[in-house]
Amino acid sequence: PPAHRCQSAGASSWSIRPRTRARSDSTELPVPPELVERIGRADVDQATADLAGDVESGRLGTAHRAVLINLVARIDPGALPEVARSLDAVEPMAPGHPLASVLSDLARVRGRMLHELAPAD
């Protein structure tokens, strides 16, 4: 299936591949279509700001944790640093701060892992 891919001027793409099969594997992790539509249409900066805002406000909370982890696992690797920065900016006293911290760490670790595992040029 086609990925939802958006570009920010001079920035990496924000890409989320929708799930279409009943089975789940590393490339087909479940993320609700509403979340793909909401975040997948924006450029990288807007999408990460929307994600961080929804987590900060509690609109996306611990009940959404597994879905958000799957989302971070499917985001274009070039967008991971911006995802981590946006989630790091969540207000420490906000209800979503603990979740934002976990997701930020995941984005950062995934980015580092992919960098380390990339074939040498």
PDB file of N, CA and C in Angstrom:
ATOM      1  N   PRO A   1       0.825  -1.196   0.000  1.00  0.00           N
ATOM      2  CA  PRO A   1       0.000   0.000   0.000  1.00  0.00           C
ATOM      3  C   PRO A   1       0.859   1.247   0.000  1.00  0.00           C
ATOM      4  N   PRO A   2       0.364   2.324  -0.547  1.00  0.00           N
ATOM      5  CA  PRO A   2       1.165   3.540  -0.559  1.00  0.00           C
ATOM      6  C   PRO A   2       1.311   4.103   0.845  1.00  0.00           C
ATOM      7  N   ALA A   3       2.455   4.669   1.119  1.00  0.00           N
ATOM      8  CA  ALA A   3       2.679   5.305   2.415  1.00  0.00           C
ATOM      9  C   ALA A   3       2.141   6.717   2.360  1.00  0.00           C
ATOM     10  N   HIS A   4       1.678   7.198   3.490  1.00  0.00           N
ATOM     11  CA  HIS A   4       1.337   8.613   3.591  1.00  0.00           C
ATOM     12  C   HIS A   4       2.665   9.320   3.765  1.00  0.00           C
ATOM     13  N   ARG A   5       3.056  10.154   2.831  1.00  0.00           N
ATOM     14  CA  ARG A   5       4.367  10.796   2.874  1.00  0.00           C
ATOM     15  C   ARG A   5       4.192  12.283   2.648  1.00  0.00           C
ATOM     16  N   CYS A   6       4.762  13.037   3.536  1.00  0.00           N
ATOM     17  CA  CYS A   6       4.691  14.489   3.418  1.00  0.00           C
ATOM     18  C   CYS A   6       6.096  15.037   3.516  1.00  0.00           C
ATOM     19  N   GLN A   7       6.318  16.154   2.893  1.00  0.00           N
ATOM     20  CA  GLN A   7       7.631  16.777   2.897  1.00  0.00           C
ATOM     21  C   GLN A   7       7.562  18.164   3.510  1.00  0.00           C
ATOM     22  N   SER A   8       8.561  18.491   4.264  1.00  0.00           N
ATOM     23  CA  SER A   8       8.750  19.841   4.761  1.00  0.00           C
ATOM     24  C   SER A   8       9.928  20.394   3.967  1.00  0.00           C
ATOM     25  N   ALA A   9       9.880  21.636   3.602  1.00  0.00           N
ATOM     26  CA  ALA A   9      10.939  22.228   2.784  1.00  0.00           C
ATOM     27  C   ALA A   9      12.299  21.975   3.422  1.00  0.00           C
ATOM     28  N   GLY A  10      13.137  21.254   2.725  1.00  0.00           N
ATOM     29  CA  GLY A  10      14.492  20.990   3.194  1.00  0.00           C
ATOM     30  C   GLY A  10      14.570  20.000   4.339  1.00  0.00           C
ATOM     31  N   ALA A  11      13.463  19.424   4.741  1.00  0.00           N
ATOM     32  CA  ALA A  11      13.468  18.494   5.865  1.00  0.00           C
ATOM     33  C   ALA A  11      13.172  17.087   5.363  1.00  0.00           C
ATOM     34  N   SER A  12      13.309  16.125   6.266  1.00  0.00           N
ATOM     35  CA  SER A  12      13.006  14.760   5.877  1.00  0.00           C
ATOM     36  C   SER A  12      11.506  14.553   5.756  1.00  0.00           C
ATOM     37  N   SER A  13      11.159  13.416   5.182  1.00  0.00           N
ATOM     38  CA  SER A  13       9.741  13.136   5.001  1.00  0.00           C
ATOM     39  C   SER A  13       9.163  12.536   6.264  1.00  0.00           C
ATOM     40  N   TRP A  14       7.887  12.685   6.387  1.00  0.00           N
ATOM     41  CA  TRP A  14       7.121  12.083   7.480  1.00  0.00           C
ATOM     42  C   TRP A  14       6.304  11.015   6.797  1.00  0.00           C
ATOM     43  N   SER A  15       6.586   9.772   7.059  1.00  0.00           N
ATOM     44  CA  SER A  15       5.939   8.697   6.327  1.00  0.00           C
ATOM     45  C   SER A  15       5.389   7.678   7.300  1.00  0.00           C
ATOM     46  N   ILE A  16       4.140   7.288   7.088  1.00  0.00           N
ATOM     47  CA  ILE A  16       3.507   6.257   7.882  1.00  0.00           C
ATOM     48  C   ILE A  16       2.836   5.307   6.905  1.00  0.00           C
ATOM     49  N   ARG A  17       3.182   4.049   6.964  1.00  0.00           N
ATOM     50  CA  ARG A  17       2.578   3.075   6.052  1.00  0.00           C
ATOM     51  C   ARG A  17       1.326   2.502   6.697  1.00  0.00           C
ATOM     52  N   PRO A  18       0.159   2.653   6.039  1.00  0.00           N
ATOM     53  CA  PRO A  18      -1.079   2.123   6.618  1.00  0.00           C
ATOM     54  C   PRO A  18      -1.107   0.595   6.627  1.00  0.00           C
ATOM     55  N   ARG A  19      -1.802   0.046   7.579  1.00  0.00           N
ATOM     56  CA  ARG A  19      -1.927  -1.409   7.706  1.00  0.00           C
ATOM     57  C   ARG A  19      -3.117  -1.878   6.883  1.00  0.00           C
ATOM     58  N   THR A  20      -2.896  -2.877   6.040  1.00  0.00           N
ATOM     59  CA  THR A  20      -3.989  -3.357   5.209  1.00  0.00           C
ATOM     60  C   THR A  20      -4.225  -4.856   5.365  1.00  0.00           C
ATOM     61  N   ARG A  21      -3.308  -5.577   5.934  1.00  0.00           N
ATOM     62  CA  ARG A  21      -3.467  -7.019   6.090  1.00  0.00           C
ATOM     63  C   ARG A  21      -3.836  -7.362   7.517  1.00  0.00           C
ATOM     64  N   ALA A  22      -4.397  -8.545   7.710  1.00  0.00           N
ATOM     65  CA  ALA A  22      -4.802  -8.990   9.037  1.00  0.00           C
ATOM     66  C   ALA A  22      -3.596  -9.295   9.920  1.00  0.00           C
ATOM     67  N   ARG A  23      -2.494  -9.691   9.326  1.00  0.00           N
ATOM     68  CA  ARG A  23      -1.328 -10.028  10.133  1.00  0.00           C
ATOM     69  C   ARG A  23      -0.520  -8.776  10.462  1.00  0.00           C
ATOM     70  N   SER A  24       0.285  -8.893  11.495  1.00  0.00           N
ATOM     71  CA  SER A  24       1.109  -7.760  11.899  1.00  0.00           C
ATOM     72  C   SER A  24       2.567  -8.197  11.883  1.00  0.00           C
ATOM     73  N   ASP A  25       3.398  -7.445  11.172  1.00  0.00           N
ATOM     74  CA  ASP A  25       4.834  -7.694  11.185  1.00  0.00           C
ATOM     75  C   ASP A  25       5.540  -6.358  11.302  1.00  0.00           C
ATOM     76  N   SER A  26       6.852  -6.362  11.198  1.00  0.00           N
ATOM     77  CA  SER A  26       7.618  -5.141  11.463  1.00  0.00           C
ATOM     78  C   SER A  26       7.285  -3.988  10.515  1.00  0.00           C
ATOM     79  N   THR A  27       6.775  -4.282   9.326  1.00  0.00           N
ATOM     80  CA  THR A  27       6.442  -3.196   8.409  1.00  0.00           C
ATOM     81  C   THR A  27       4.956  -2.871   8.417  1.00  0.00           C
ATOM     82  N   GLU A  28       4.165  -3.668   9.086  1.00  0.00           N
ATOM     83  CA  GLU A  28       2.720  -3.485   9.072  1.00  0.00           C
ATOM     84  C   GLU A  28       2.183  -3.452  10.506  1.00  0.00           C
ATOM     85  N   LEU A  29       2.608  -2.513  11.303  1.00  0.00           N
ATOM     86  CA  LEU A  29       2.147  -2.401  12.675  1.00  0.00           C
ATOM     87  C   LEU A  29       0.849  -1.601  12.734  1.00  0.00           C
ATOM     88  N   PRO A  30      -0.082  -1.983  13.606  1.00  0.00           N
ATOM     89  CA  PRO A  30      -1.379  -1.304  13.624  1.00  0.00           C
ATOM     90  C   PRO A  30      -1.306   0.122  14.167  1.00  0.00           C
ATOM     91  N   VAL A  31      -1.844   1.024  13.400  1.00  0.00           N
ATOM     92  CA  VAL A  31      -2.038   2.415  13.805  1.00  0.00           C
ATOM     93  C   VAL A  31      -3.412   2.800  13.264  1.00  0.00           C
ATOM     94  N   PRO A  32      -4.287   3.334  14.115  1.00  0.00           N
ATOM     95  CA  PRO A  32      -5.636   3.669  13.643  1.00  0.00           C
ATOM     96  C   PRO A  32      -5.605   4.614  12.446  1.00  0.00           C
ATOM     97  N   PRO A  33      -6.469   4.388  11.466  1.00  0.00           N
ATOM     98  CA  PRO A  33      -6.501   5.242  10.276  1.00  0.00           C
ATOM     99  C   PRO A  33      -6.711   6.721  10.607  1.00  0.00           C
ATOM    100  N   GLU A  34      -7.463   6.997  11.675  1.00  0.00           N
ATOM    101  CA  GLU A  34      -7.693   8.400  12.061  1.00  0.00           C
ATOM    102  C   GLU A  34      -6.379   9.095  12.417  1.00  0.00           C
ATOM    103  N   LEU A  35      -5.503   8.370  13.102  1.00  0.00           N
ATOM    104  CA  LEU A  35      -4.214   8.949  13.485  1.00  0.00           C
ATOM    105  C   LEU A  35      -3.324   9.110  12.260  1.00  0.00           C
ATOM    106  N   VAL A  36      -3.344   8.139  11.375  1.00  0.00           N
ATOM    107  CA  VAL A  36      -2.568   8.237  10.134  1.00  0.00           C
ATOM    108  C   VAL A  36      -3.049   9.438   9.329  1.00  0.00           C
ATOM    109  N   GLU A  37      -4.367   9.593   9.215  1.00  0.00           N
ATOM    110  CA  GLU A  37      -4.925  10.717   8.458  1.00  0.00           C
ATOM    111  C   GLU A  37      -4.564  12.054   9.100  1.00  0.00           C
ATOM    112  N   ARG A  38      -4.713  12.146  10.416  1.00  0.00           N
ATOM    113  CA  ARG A  38      -4.470  13.411  11.107  1.00  0.00           C
ATOM    114  C   ARG A  38      -3.013  13.836  11.020  1.00  0.00           C
ATOM    115  N   ILE A  39      -2.118  12.904  11.254  1.00  0.00           N
ATOM    116  CA  ILE A  39      -0.693  13.230  11.290  1.00  0.00           C
ATOM    117  C   ILE A  39      -0.059  13.067   9.915  1.00  0.00           C
ATOM    118  N   GLY A  40      -0.528  12.110   9.128  1.00  0.00           N
ATOM    119  CA  GLY A  40       0.087  11.804   7.845  1.00  0.00           C
ATOM    120  C   GLY A  40      -0.073  12.883   6.791  1.00  0.00           C
ATOM    121  N   ARG A  41      -1.013  13.813   6.985  1.00  0.00           N
ATOM    122  CA  ARG A  41      -1.229  14.858   5.982  1.00  0.00           C
ATOM    123  C   ARG A  41      -0.375  16.096   6.216  1.00  0.00           C
ATOM    124  N   ALA A  42       0.185  16.230   7.369  1.00  0.00           N
ATOM    125  CA  ALA A  42       0.937  17.435   7.712  1.00  0.00           C
ATOM    126  C   ALA A  42       2.404  17.296   7.317  1.00  0.00           C
ATOM    127  N   ASP A  43       3.108  18.450   7.254  1.00  0.00           N
ATOM    128  CA  ASP A  43       4.549  18.363   7.044  1.00  0.00           C
ATOM    129  C   ASP A  43       5.189  17.905   8.354  1.00  0.00           C
ATOM    130  N   VAL A  44       6.464  17.627   8.330  1.00  0.00           N
ATOM    131  CA  VAL A  44       7.152  17.070   9.490  1.00  0.00           C
ATOM    132  C   VAL A  44       6.979  17.957  10.716  1.00  0.00           C
ATOM    133  N   ASP A  45       7.218  19.252  10.575  1.00  0.00           N
ATOM    134  CA  ASP A  45       7.128  20.150  11.721  1.00  0.00           C
ATOM    135  C   ASP A  45       5.721  20.175  12.308  1.00  0.00           C
ATOM    136  N   GLN A  46       4.713  20.270  11.442  1.00  0.00           N
ATOM    137  CA  GLN A  46       3.328  20.323  11.917  1.00  0.00           C
ATOM    138  C   GLN A  46       2.901  18.986  12.521  1.00  0.00           C
ATOM    139  N   ALA A  47       3.286  17.895  11.887  1.00  0.00           N
ATOM    140  CA  ALA A  47       2.898  16.567  12.378  1.00  0.00           C
ATOM    141  C   ALA A  47       3.491  16.302  13.762  1.00  0.00           C
ATOM    142  N   THR A  48       4.766  16.636  13.943  1.00  0.00           N
ATOM    143  CA  THR A  48       5.385  16.395  15.244  1.00  0.00           C
ATOM    144  C   THR A  48       4.819  17.339  16.300  1.00  0.00           C
ATOM    145  N   ALA A  49       4.516  18.561  15.924  1.00  0.00           N
ATOM    146  CA  ALA A  49       3.882  19.500  16.867  1.00  0.00           C
ATOM    147  C   ALA A  49       2.496  19.005  17.264  1.00  0.00           C
ATOM    148  N   ASP A  50       1.730  18.500  16.289  1.00  0.00           N
ATOM    149  CA  ASP A  50       0.400  17.952  16.590  1.00  0.00           C
ATOM    150  C   ASP A  50       0.504  16.753  17.525  1.00  0.00           C
ATOM    151  N   LEU A  51       1.441  15.856  17.229  1.00  0.00           N
ATOM    152  CA  LEU A  51       1.633  14.673  18.065  1.00  0.00           C
ATOM    153  C   LEU A  51       2.003  15.084  19.489  1.00  0.00           C
ATOM    154  N   ALA A  52       2.973  15.970  19.624  1.00  0.00           N
ATOM    155  CA  ALA A  52       3.402  16.413  20.954  1.00  0.00           C
ATOM    156  C   ALA A  52       2.260  17.129  21.685  1.00  0.00           C
ATOM    157  N   GLY A  53       1.501  17.950  20.971  1.00  0.00           N
ATOM    158  CA  GLY A  53       0.372  18.653  21.587  1.00  0.00           C
ATOM    159  C   GLY A  53      -0.697  17.696  22.079  1.00  0.00           C
ATOM    160  N   ASP A  54      -0.989  16.667  21.288  1.00  0.00           N
ATOM    161  CA  ASP A  54      -2.001  15.686  21.692  1.00  0.00           C
ATOM    162  C   ASP A  54      -1.538  14.873  22.895  1.00  0.00           C
ATOM    163  N   VAL A  55      -0.249  14.552  22.943  1.00  0.00           N
ATOM    164  CA  VAL A  55       0.290  13.820  24.093  1.00  0.00           C
ATOM    165  C   VAL A  55       0.314  14.735  25.313  1.00  0.00           C
ATOM    166  N   GLU A  56       0.776  15.961  25.134  1.00  0.00           N
ATOM    167  CA  GLU A  56       0.857  16.905  26.253  1.00  0.00           C
ATOM    168  C   GLU A  56      -0.507  17.151  26.881  1.00  0.00           C
ATOM    169  N   SER A  57      -1.525  17.334  26.064  1.00  0.00           N
ATOM    170  CA  SER A  57      -2.866  17.637  26.573  1.00  0.00           C
ATOM    171  C   SER A  57      -3.559  16.426  27.172  1.00  0.00           C
ATOM    172  N   GLY A  58      -3.051  15.240  26.894  1.00  0.00           N
ATOM    173  CA  GLY A  58      -3.691  14.030  27.379  1.00  0.00           C
ATOM    174  C   GLY A  58      -4.687  13.453  26.389  1.00  0.00           C
ATOM    175  N   ARG A  59      -4.878  14.135  25.254  1.00  0.00           N
ATOM    176  CA  ARG A  59      -5.777  13.604  24.218  1.00  0.00           C
ATOM    177  C   ARG A  59      -5.299  12.227  23.778  1.00  0.00           C
ATOM    178  N   LEU A  60      -3.995  12.064  23.676  1.00  0.00           N
ATOM    179  CA  LEU A  60      -3.378  10.760  23.473  1.00  0.00           C
ATOM    180  C   LEU A  60      -2.641  10.445  24.770  1.00  0.00           C
ATOM    181  N   GLY A  61      -3.070   9.388  25.447  1.00  0.00           N
ATOM    182  CA  GLY A  61      -2.498   9.072  26.751  1.00  0.00           C
ATOM    183  C   GLY A  61      -2.005   7.645  26.842  1.00  0.00           C
ATOM    184  N   THR A  62      -1.893   7.169  28.068  1.00  0.00           N
ATOM    185  CA  THR A  62      -1.347   5.838  28.282  1.00  0.00           C
ATOM    186  C   THR A  62      -2.183   4.745  27.613  1.00  0.00           C
ATOM    187  N   ALA A  63      -3.482   4.978  27.438  1.00  0.00           N
ATOM    188  CA  ALA A  63      -4.318   4.005  26.731  1.00  0.00           C
ATOM    189  C   ALA A  63      -3.894   3.877  25.267  1.00  0.00           C
ATOM    190  N   HIS A  64      -3.212   4.893  24.745  1.00  0.00           N
ATOM    191  CA  HIS A  64      -2.759   4.906  23.352  1.00  0.00           C
ATOM    192  C   HIS A  64      -1.283   4.522  23.217  1.00  0.00           C
ATOM    193  N   ARG A  65      -0.672   4.145  24.310  1.00  0.00           N
ATOM    194  CA  ARG A  65       0.771   3.904  24.320  1.00  0.00           C
ATOM    195  C   ARG A  65       1.228   2.911  23.248  1.00  0.00           C
ATOM    196  N   ALA A  66       0.579   1.757  23.154  1.00  0.00           N
ATOM    197  CA  ALA A  66       0.998   0.751  22.169  1.00  0.00           C
ATOM    198  C   ALA A  66       0.872   1.283  20.745  1.00  0.00           C
ATOM    199  N   VAL A  67      -0.201   2.014  20.481  1.00  0.00           N
ATOM    200  CA  VAL A  67      -0.406   2.586  19.152  1.00  0.00           C
ATOM    201  C   VAL A  67       0.670   3.618  18.847  1.00  0.00           C
ATOM    202  N   LEU A  68       1.008   4.437  19.825  1.00  0.00           N
ATOM    203  CA  LEU A  68       2.024   5.467  19.615  1.00  0.00           C
ATOM    204  C   LEU A  68       3.415   4.857  19.444  1.00  0.00           C
ATOM    205  N   ILE A  69       3.678   3.779  20.140  1.00  0.00           N
ATOM    206  CA  ILE A  69       4.949   3.076  19.949  1.00  0.00           C
ATOM    207  C   ILE A  69       5.018   2.531  18.523  1.00  0.00           C
ATOM    208  N   ASN A  70       3.918   1.967  18.045  1.00  0.00           N
ATOM    209  CA  ASN A  70       3.878   1.488  16.664  1.00  0.00           C
ATOM    210  C   ASN A  70       4.067   2.636  15.686  1.00  0.00           C
ATOM    211  N   LEU A  71       3.499   3.783  15.993  1.00  0.00           N
ATOM    212  CA  LEU A  71       3.656   4.956  15.134  1.00  0.00           C
ATOM    213  C   LEU A  71       5.129   5.358  15.037  1.00  0.00           C
ATOM    214  N   VAL A  72       5.804   5.440  16.177  1.00  0.00           N
ATOM    215  CA  VAL A  72       7.227   5.802  16.186  1.00  0.00           C
ATOM    216  C   VAL A  72       8.051   4.736  15.455  1.00  0.00           C
ATOM    217  N   ALA A  73       7.628   3.485  15.540  1.00  0.00           N
ATOM    218  CA  ALA A  73       8.345   2.407  14.852  1.00  0.00           C
ATOM    219  C   ALA A  73       8.195   2.490  13.335  1.00  0.00           C
ATOM    220  N   ARG A  74       7.203   3.235  12.856  1.00  0.00           N
ATOM    221  CA  ARG A  74       6.944   3.307  11.414  1.00  0.00           C
ATOM    222  C   ARG A  74       7.284   4.637  10.785  1.00  0.00           C
ATOM    223  N   ILE A  75       7.652   5.602  11.574  1.00  0.00           N
ATOM    224  CA  ILE A  75       7.971   6.925  11.037  1.00  0.00           C
ATOM    225  C   ILE A  75       9.258   6.859  10.233  1.00  0.00           C
ATOM    226  N   ASP A  76       9.302   7.616   9.158  1.00  0.00           N
ATOM    227  CA  ASP A  76      10.505   7.724   8.341  1.00  0.00           C
ATOM    228  C   ASP A  76      11.686   8.064   9.256  1.00  0.00           C
ATOM    229  N   PRO A  77      12.785   7.319   9.161  1.00  0.00           N
ATOM    230  CA  PRO A  77      13.928   7.550  10.048  1.00  0.00           C
ATOM    231  C   PRO A  77      14.445   8.985  10.055  1.00  0.00           C
ATOM    232  N   GLY A  78      14.356   9.683   8.929  1.00  0.00           N
ATOM    233  CA  GLY A  78      14.826  11.061   8.884  1.00  0.00           C
ATOM    234  C   GLY A  78      14.009  12.009   9.731  1.00  0.00           C
ATOM    235  N   ALA A  79      12.780  11.622  10.076  1.00  0.00           N
ATOM    236  CA  ALA A  79      11.915  12.471  10.891  1.00  0.00           C
ATOM    237  C   ALA A  79      12.081  12.207  12.388  1.00  0.00           C
ATOM    238  N   LEU A  80      12.789  11.152  12.759  1.00  0.00           N
ATOM    239  CA  LEU A  80      12.907  10.786  14.165  1.00  0.00           C
ATOM    240  C   LEU A  80      13.532  11.869  15.047  1.00  0.00           C
ATOM    241  N   PRO A  81      14.581  12.571  14.609  1.00  0.00           N
ATOM    242  CA  PRO A  81      15.134  13.623  15.471  1.00  0.00           C
ATOM    243  C   PRO A  81      14.106  14.727  15.780  1.00  0.00           C
ATOM    244  N   GLU A  82      13.301  15.096  14.803  1.00  0.00           N
ATOM    245  CA  GLU A  82      12.285  16.133  15.031  1.00  0.00           C
ATOM    246  C   GLU A  82      11.183  15.617  15.951  1.00  0.00           C
ATOM    247  N   VAL A  83      10.822  14.351  15.814  1.00  0.00           N
ATOM    248  CA  VAL A  83       9.834  13.747  16.715  1.00  0.00           C
ATOM    249  C   VAL A  83      10.356  13.812  18.146  1.00  0.00           C
ATOM    250  N   ALA A  84      11.605  13.414  18.334  1.00  0.00           N
ATOM    251  CA  ALA A  84      12.199  13.441  19.674  1.00  0.00           C
ATOM    252  C   ALA A  84      12.244  14.861  20.230  1.00  0.00           C
ATOM    253  N   ARG A  85      12.654  15.843  19.414  1.00  0.00           N
ATOM    254  CA  ARG A  85      12.709  17.235  19.885  1.00  0.00           C
ATOM    255  C   ARG A  85      11.330  17.750  20.280  1.00  0.00           C
ATOM    256  N   SER A  86      10.324  17.463  19.482  1.00  0.00           N
ATOM    257  CA  SER A  86       8.968  17.935  19.787  1.00  0.00           C
ATOM    258  C   SER A  86       8.443  17.308  21.076  1.00  0.00           C
ATOM    259  N   LEU A  87       8.678  16.023  21.243  1.00  0.00           N
ATOM    260  CA  LEU A  87       8.206  15.358  22.458  1.00  0.00           C
ATOM    261  C   LEU A  87       9.001  15.801  23.682  1.00  0.00           C
ATOM    262  N   ASP A  88      10.278  16.130  23.497  1.00  0.00           N
ATOM    263  CA  ASP A  88      11.081  16.663  24.610  1.00  0.00           C
ATOM    264  C   ASP A  88      10.546  18.006  25.099  1.00  0.00           C
ATOM    265  N   ALA A  89       9.866  18.736  24.220  1.00  0.00           N
ATOM    266  CA  ALA A  89       9.356  20.065  24.567  1.00  0.00           C
ATOM    267  C   ALA A  89       8.044  20.017  25.345  1.00  0.00           C
ATOM    268  N   VAL A  90       7.484  18.830  25.560  1.00  0.00           N
ATOM    269  CA  VAL A  90       6.245  18.713  26.336  1.00  0.00           C
ATOM    270  C   VAL A  90       6.513  19.214  27.754  1.00  0.00           C
ATOM    271  N   GLU A  91       5.626  20.049  28.223  1.00  0.00           N
ATOM    272  CA  GLU A  91       5.738  20.665  29.553  1.00  0.00           C
ATOM    273  C   GLU A  91       5.884  19.581  30.636  1.00  0.00           C
ATOM    274  N   PRO A  92       6.888  19.689  31.511  1.00  0.00           N
ATOM    275  CA  PRO A  92       7.121  18.662  32.533  1.00  0.00           C
ATOM    276  C   PRO A  92       5.931  18.398  33.467  1.00  0.00           C
ATOM    277  N   MET A  93       5.081  19.396  33.682  1.00  0.00           N
ATOM    278  CA  MET A  93       3.936  19.200  34.575  1.00  0.00           C
ATOM    279  C   MET A  93       2.673  18.755  33.829  1.00  0.00           C
ATOM    280  N   ALA A  94       2.760  18.584  32.531  1.00  0.00           N
ATOM    281  CA  ALA A  94       1.603  18.176  31.724  1.00  0.00           C
ATOM    282  C   ALA A  94       1.264  16.711  31.998  1.00  0.00           C
ATOM    283  N   PRO A  95      -0.013  16.369  31.861  1.00  0.00           N
ATOM    284  CA  PRO A  95      -0.412  14.968  32.095  1.00  0.00           C
ATOM    285  C   PRO A  95       0.290  13.975  31.170  1.00  0.00           C
ATOM    286  N   GLY A  96       0.662  14.405  29.973  1.00  0.00           N
ATOM    287  CA  GLY A  96       1.275  13.502  29.018  1.00  0.00           C
ATOM    288  C   GLY A  96       2.786  13.457  29.062  1.00  0.00           C
ATOM    289  N   HIS A  97       3.397  14.169  30.009  1.00  0.00           N
ATOM    290  CA  HIS A  97       4.864  14.217  30.034  1.00  0.00           C
ATOM    291  C   HIS A  97       5.523  12.847  30.153  1.00  0.00           C
ATOM    292  N   PRO A  98       5.069  11.964  31.055  1.00  0.00           N
ATOM    293  CA  PRO A  98       5.738  10.650  31.126  1.00  0.00           C
ATOM    294  C   PRO A  98       5.686   9.882  29.798  1.00  0.00           C
ATOM    295  N   LEU A  99       4.552   9.903  29.136  1.00  0.00           N
ATOM    296  CA  LEU A  99       4.429   9.223  27.847  1.00  0.00           C
ATOM    297  C   LEU A  99       5.296   9.901  26.795  1.00  0.00           C
ATOM    298  N   ALA A 100       5.308  11.224  26.790  1.00  0.00           N
ATOM    299  CA  ALA A 100       6.141  11.962  25.831  1.00  0.00           C
ATOM    300  C   ALA A 100       7.613  11.604  26.014  1.00  0.00           C
ATOM    301  N   SER A 101       8.028  11.461  27.252  1.00  0.00           N
ATOM    302  CA  SER A 101       9.418  11.116  27.549  1.00  0.00           C
ATOM    303  C   SER A 101       9.768   9.727  27.007  1.00  0.00           C
ATOM    304  N   VAL A 102       8.875   8.777  27.194  1.00  0.00           N
ATOM    305  CA  VAL A 102       9.097   7.416  26.690  1.00  0.00           C
ATOM    306  C   VAL A 102       9.170   7.423  25.161  1.00  0.00           C
ATOM    307  N   LEU A 103       8.241   8.109  24.521  1.00  0.00           N
ATOM    308  CA  LEU A 103       8.207   8.147  23.059  1.00  0.00           C
ATOM    309  C   LEU A 103       9.421   8.880  22.491  1.00  0.00           C
ATOM    310  N   SER A 104       9.843   9.942  23.164  1.00  0.00           N
ATOM    311  CA  SER A 104      11.029  10.681  22.735  1.00  0.00           C
ATOM    312  C   SER A 104      12.263   9.783  22.797  1.00  0.00           C
ATOM    313  N   ASP A 105      12.403   9.066  23.907  1.00  0.00           N
ATOM    314  CA  ASP A 105      13.532   8.132  24.042  1.00  0.00           C
ATOM    315  C   ASP A 105      13.494   7.067  22.956  1.00  0.00           C
ATOM    316  N   LEU A 106      12.305   6.552  22.675  1.00  0.00           N
ATOM    317  CA  LEU A 106      12.168   5.533  21.641  1.00  0.00           C
ATOM    318  C   LEU A 106      12.585   6.077  20.274  1.00  0.00           C
ATOM    319  N   ALA A 107      12.130   7.278  19.945  1.00  0.00           N
ATOM    320  CA  ALA A 107      12.491   7.887  18.659  1.00  0.00           C
ATOM    321  C   ALA A 107      14.001   8.075  18.560  1.00  0.00           C
ATOM    322  N   ARG A 108      14.604   8.549  19.632  1.00  0.00           N
ATOM    323  CA  ARG A 108      16.043   8.788  19.639  1.00  0.00           C
ATOM    324  C   ARG A 108      16.823   7.472  19.507  1.00  0.00           C
ATOM    325  N   VAL A 109      16.420   6.453  20.280  1.00  0.00           N
ATOM    326  CA  VAL A 109      17.115   5.164  20.242  1.00  0.00           C
ATOM    327  C   VAL A 109      16.934   4.502  18.881  1.00  0.00           C
ATOM    328  N   ARG A 110      15.733   4.562  18.326  1.00  0.00           N
ATOM    329  CA  ARG A 110      15.501   3.970  17.007  1.00  0.00           C
ATOM    330  C   ARG A 110      16.377   4.651  15.956  1.00  0.00           C
ATOM    331  N   GLY A 111      16.457   5.971  16.013  1.00  0.00           N
ATOM    332  CA  GLY A 111      17.300   6.700  15.067  1.00  0.00           C
ATOM    333  C   GLY A 111      18.763   6.303  15.186  1.00  0.00           C
ATOM    334  N   ARG A 112      19.253   6.195  16.416  1.00  0.00           N
ATOM    335  CA  ARG A 112      20.650   5.792  16.629  1.00  0.00           C
ATOM    336  C   ARG A 112      20.892   4.369  16.155  1.00  0.00           C
ATOM    337  N   MET A 113      19.943   3.477  16.456  1.00  0.00           N
ATOM    338  CA  MET A 113      20.086   2.087  16.053  1.00  0.00           C
ATOM    339  C   MET A 113      20.148   1.973  14.527  1.00  0.00           C
ATOM    340  N   LEU A 114      19.245   2.660  13.846  1.00  0.00           N
ATOM    341  CA  LEU A 114      19.243   2.601  12.385  1.00  0.00           C
ATOM    342  C   LEU A 114      20.522   3.181  11.809  1.00  0.00           C
ATOM    343  N   HIS A 115      21.032   4.230  12.433  1.00  0.00           N
ATOM    344  CA  HIS A 115      22.301   4.826  11.982  1.00  0.00           C
ATOM    345  C   HIS A 115      23.451   3.842  12.141  1.00  0.00           C
ATOM    346  N   GLU A 116      23.492   3.187  13.308  1.00  0.00           N
ATOM    347  CA  GLU A 116      24.578   2.233  13.570  1.00  0.00           C
ATOM    348  C   GLU A 116      24.493   1.000  12.676  1.00  0.00           C
ATOM    349  N   LEU A 117      23.284   0.604  12.325  1.00  0.00           N
ATOM    350  CA  LEU A 117      23.109  -0.603  11.522  1.00  0.00           C
ATOM    351  C   LEU A 117      23.134  -0.334  10.019  1.00  0.00           C
ATOM    352  N   ALA A 118      23.203   0.925   9.641  1.00  0.00           N
ATOM    353  CA  ALA A 118      23.226   1.275   8.212  1.00  0.00           C
ATOM    354  C   ALA A 118      24.510   0.746   7.582  1.00  0.00           C
ATOM    355  N   PRO A 119      24.398   0.271   6.360  1.00  0.00           N
ATOM    356  CA  PRO A 119      25.607  -0.214   5.681  1.00  0.00           C
ATOM    357  C   PRO A 119      26.602   0.919   5.489  1.00  0.00           C
ATOM    358  N   ALA A 120      27.870   0.574   5.580  1.00  0.00           N
ATOM    359  CA  ALA A 120      28.936   1.566   5.382  1.00  0.00           C
ATOM    360  C   ALA A 120      28.948   1.978   3.912  1.00  0.00           C
ATOM    361  N   ASP A 121      29.189   3.255   3.689  1.00  0.00           N
ATOM    362  CA  ASP A 121      29.228   3.775   2.297  1.00  0.00           C
ATOM    363  C   ASP A 121      30.492   3.395   1.598  1.00  0.00           C
TER     364      ASP A 121
END
